[in-house]
Amino acid sequence: MSFTKGDLVVVVAAGPENAGTVGKTGVVVDDGALSGGDISVKGIDGKVVEAIKGYRSYLPNQLRKA
C-alpha cells in the first residue's frame, strides 16, 4: 500500500521504538521519498520520541489508511 502526505493512517504493527502506538491514528507528513522508505507520521502521541523528532517513522506494512 502506498501513502501520500496528508493521509490519515492507523498503526497496525510497531517495532520497539514505537511500542504502545498500535491502534493509534496520525497523519502522514512524509511518504517515504525523503526517508528511504519509512513513512513519517505525526499526531500519534505527544511522548518523547514524537516530541523530540516531531514525527514517528513506520514501515509501510505497519500502517493502514484510516
C-alpha atoms as a PDB file:
ATOM      1  CA  MET A   1       0.000   0.000   0.000  1.00  0.00           C
ATOM      2  CA  SER A   2       1.247   3.488  -0.735  1.00  0.00           C
ATOM      3  CA  PHE A   3       0.726   6.583   1.335  1.00  0.00           C
ATOM      4  CA  THR A   4       0.801  10.259   0.469  1.00  0.00           C
ATOM      5  CA  LYS A   5       1.295  13.359   2.583  1.00  0.00           C
ATOM      6  CA  GLY A   6      -1.904  14.177   4.434  1.00  0.00           C
ATOM      7  CA  ASP A   7      -3.282  10.613   4.557  1.00  0.00           C
ATOM      8  CA  LEU A   8      -4.905   9.637   7.845  1.00  0.00           C
ATOM      9  CA  VAL A   9      -3.393   6.324   8.967  1.00  0.00           C
ATOM     10  CA  VAL A  10      -3.769   3.773  11.770  1.00  0.00           C
ATOM     11  CA  VAL A  11      -0.801   1.913  13.236  1.00  0.00           C
ATOM     12  CA  VAL A  12      -1.316  -1.868  12.867  1.00  0.00           C
ATOM     13  CA  ALA A  13       2.160  -3.031  13.960  1.00  0.00           C
ATOM     14  CA  ALA A  14       5.155  -1.371  15.579  1.00  0.00           C
ATOM     15  CA  GLY A  15       8.766  -2.056  16.391  1.00  0.00           C
ATOM     16  CA  PRO A  16      10.320  -1.411  19.804  1.00  0.00           C
ATOM     17  CA  GLU A  17      10.877   2.299  19.120  1.00  0.00           C
ATOM     18  CA  ASN A  18       7.112   2.736  18.605  1.00  0.00           C
ATOM     19  CA  ALA A  19       5.867   0.396  21.333  1.00  0.00           C
ATOM     20  CA  GLY A  20       2.405   1.285  22.570  1.00  0.00           C
ATOM     21  CA  THR A  21       1.270   3.012  19.384  1.00  0.00           C
ATOM     22  CA  VAL A  22      -0.685   0.150  17.755  1.00  0.00           C
ATOM     23  CA  GLY A  23      -4.262   1.274  17.156  1.00  0.00           C
ATOM     24  CA  LYS A  24      -3.396   4.980  17.260  1.00  0.00           C
ATOM     25  CA  THR A  25      -4.158   7.351  14.386  1.00  0.00           C
ATOM     26  CA  GLY A  26      -1.938  10.008  12.813  1.00  0.00           C
ATOM     27  CA  VAL A  27      -1.291  11.962   9.636  1.00  0.00           C
ATOM     28  CA  VAL A  28       1.423  11.179   7.064  1.00  0.00           C
ATOM     29  CA  VAL A  29       3.974  14.001   6.787  1.00  0.00           C
ATOM     30  CA  ASP A  30       6.443  12.169   4.502  1.00  0.00           C
ATOM     31  CA  ASP A  31       5.564   9.380   2.084  1.00  0.00           C
ATOM     32  CA  GLY A  32       8.982   7.732   2.310  1.00  0.00           C
ATOM     33  CA  ALA A  33      10.564   9.519  -0.634  1.00  0.00           C
ATOM     34  CA  LEU A  34      12.820  11.581   1.640  1.00  0.00           C
ATOM     35  CA  SER A  35      13.454   8.955   4.314  1.00  0.00           C
ATOM     36  CA  GLY A  36      14.379   5.908   2.238  1.00  0.00           C
ATOM     37  CA  GLY A  37      11.031   4.165   2.524  1.00  0.00           C
ATOM     38  CA  ASP A  38       9.967   4.862   6.112  1.00  0.00           C
ATOM     39  CA  ILE A  39       6.633   6.648   6.398  1.00  0.00           C
ATOM     40  CA  SER A  40       6.750   9.640   8.770  1.00  0.00           C
ATOM     41  CA  VAL A  41       3.586  10.157  10.805  1.00  0.00           C
ATOM     42  CA  LYS A  42       2.674  12.911  13.267  1.00  0.00           C
ATOM     43  CA  GLY A  43      -0.116  13.135  15.798  1.00  0.00           C
ATOM     44  CA  ILE A  44       0.298   9.600  17.172  1.00  0.00           C
ATOM     45  CA  ASP A  45       1.090  10.800  20.685  1.00  0.00           C
ATOM     46  CA  GLY A  46       2.993  13.544  22.443  1.00  0.00           C
ATOM     47  CA  LYS A  47       5.548  11.269  24.066  1.00  0.00           C
ATOM     48  CA  VAL A  48       9.309  11.742  23.953  1.00  0.00           C
ATOM     49  CA  VAL A  49      10.095  10.225  20.520  1.00  0.00           C
ATOM     50  CA  GLU A  50       7.466  12.256  18.709  1.00  0.00           C
ATOM     51  CA  ALA A  51       8.001  15.366  20.826  1.00  0.00           C
ATOM     52  CA  ILE A  52      11.728  15.477  20.004  1.00  0.00           C
ATOM     53  CA  LYS A  53      11.612  14.456  16.325  1.00  0.00           C
ATOM     54  CA  GLY A  54       8.170  15.892  15.539  1.00  0.00           C
ATOM     55  CA  TYR A  55       7.043  12.602  13.985  1.00  0.00           C
ATOM     56  CA  ARG A  56       7.309   8.826  14.254  1.00  0.00           C
ATOM     57  CA  SER A  57       8.635   6.569  11.485  1.00  0.00           C
ATOM     58  CA  TYR A  58       6.924   3.371  10.374  1.00  0.00           C
ATOM     59  CA  LEU A  59       7.404   0.834   7.612  1.00  0.00           C
ATOM     60  CA  PRO A  60       4.556   0.830   5.085  1.00  0.00           C
ATOM     61  CA  ASN A  61       3.373  -2.612   6.277  1.00  0.00           C
ATOM     62  CA  GLN A  62       2.943  -1.230   9.824  1.00  0.00           C
ATOM     63  CA  LEU A  63       0.206   1.187   8.716  1.00  0.00           C
ATOM     64  CA  ARG A  64      -3.181   1.183   7.040  1.00  0.00           C
ATOM     65  CA  LYS A  65      -5.316   4.045   5.839  1.00  0.00           C
ATOM     66  CA  ALA A  66      -7.960   5.101   8.342  1.00  0.00           C
END
